Amino acid sequence: MDNNTMRIPKKSKLKGDDGTRVISIRIRVELLEKIDAIACEAERSRNELINMIFENSVDKIIIE
């Protein structure tokens, strides 16, 4: 490499680089219908609503 060149690494375009991960869960149809109804009423995506539910609930779990 000569003195006039500079190496710049490419920005990573891998999924999950935004701090999120894709997961898969099994959920009862009735519960999913409730989530979808709330998401529609709140004008939010299902994903956004589920994340809000998780963020609000995860710290309130007590293991007995």
Protein backbone atom coordinates (compact mmCIF):
# COMPACT_ATOMS: atom_id res chain seq x y z
CA MET A 1 0.00 0.00 0.00
CA ASP A 2 1.39 3.37 -0.93
CA ASN A 3 1.07 6.53 1.14
CA ASN A 4 -1.86 7.82 -0.96
CA THR A 5 -4.22 4.94 -0.19
CA MET A 6 -6.44 4.49 2.78
CA ARG A 7 -8.32 1.30 3.63
CA ILE A 8 -11.88 1.75 4.79
CA PRO A 9 -13.76 -1.40 5.84
CA LYS A 10 -17.21 -1.88 4.36
CA LYS A 11 -20.11 -1.33 6.70
CA SER A 12 -21.48 -4.67 7.81
CA LYS A 13 -24.87 -5.43 6.33
CA LEU A 14 -25.50 -8.56 8.36
CA LYS A 15 -28.96 -8.98 9.85
CA GLY A 16 -29.01 -8.25 13.54
CA ASP A 17 -26.34 -5.56 13.38
CA ASP A 18 -28.95 -3.12 14.66
CA GLY A 19 -28.95 -4.86 18.05
CA THR A 20 -31.94 -7.06 17.29
CA ARG A 21 -32.30 -10.76 16.60
CA VAL A 22 -34.97 -12.72 14.78
CA ILE A 23 -36.61 -15.44 16.86
CA SER A 24 -39.44 -17.86 16.33
CA ILE A 25 -42.08 -18.72 18.93
CA ARG A 26 -45.20 -20.84 19.08
CA ILE A 27 -48.27 -18.95 20.27
CA ARG A 28 -51.92 -19.85 20.64
CA VAL A 29 -54.15 -18.55 17.87
CA GLU A 30 -56.45 -16.79 20.35
CA LEU A 31 -53.55 -14.87 21.89
CA LEU A 32 -52.20 -13.88 18.48
CA GLU A 33 -55.64 -12.60 17.49
CA LYS A 34 -55.74 -10.43 20.62
CA ILE A 35 -52.25 -9.08 19.88
CA ASP A 36 -53.20 -8.34 16.28
CA ALA A 37 -56.37 -6.54 17.36
CA ILE A 38 -54.45 -4.35 19.82
CA ALA A 39 -51.75 -3.64 17.24
CA CYS A 40 -54.38 -2.60 14.71
CA GLU A 41 -56.18 -0.34 17.18
CA ALA A 42 -52.89 1.23 18.32
CA GLU A 43 -51.73 1.61 14.70
CA ARG A 44 -48.54 -0.32 15.53
CA SER A 45 -46.96 -3.32 13.88
CA ARG A 46 -47.31 -6.69 15.56
CA ASN A 47 -43.54 -6.75 16.04
CA GLU A 48 -43.50 -3.31 17.65
CA LEU A 49 -46.34 -4.22 20.00
CA ILE A 50 -44.77 -7.53 21.04
CA ASN A 51 -41.49 -5.75 21.78
CA MET A 52 -43.37 -3.20 23.89
CA ILE A 53 -45.09 -5.99 25.80
CA PHE A 54 -41.78 -7.78 26.42
CA GLU A 55 -39.98 -4.62 27.49
CA ASN A 56 -42.77 -3.75 29.91
CA SER A 57 -43.06 -7.26 31.34
CA VAL A 58 -39.65 -8.91 31.47
CA ASP A 59 -38.42 -7.04 34.55
CA LYS A 60 -41.63 -7.83 36.43
CA ILE A 61 -41.13 -11.61 36.33
CA ILE A 62 -40.57 -13.31 39.67
CA ILE A 63 -39.35 -16.89 39.67
CA GLU A 64 -40.76 -18.86 42.62
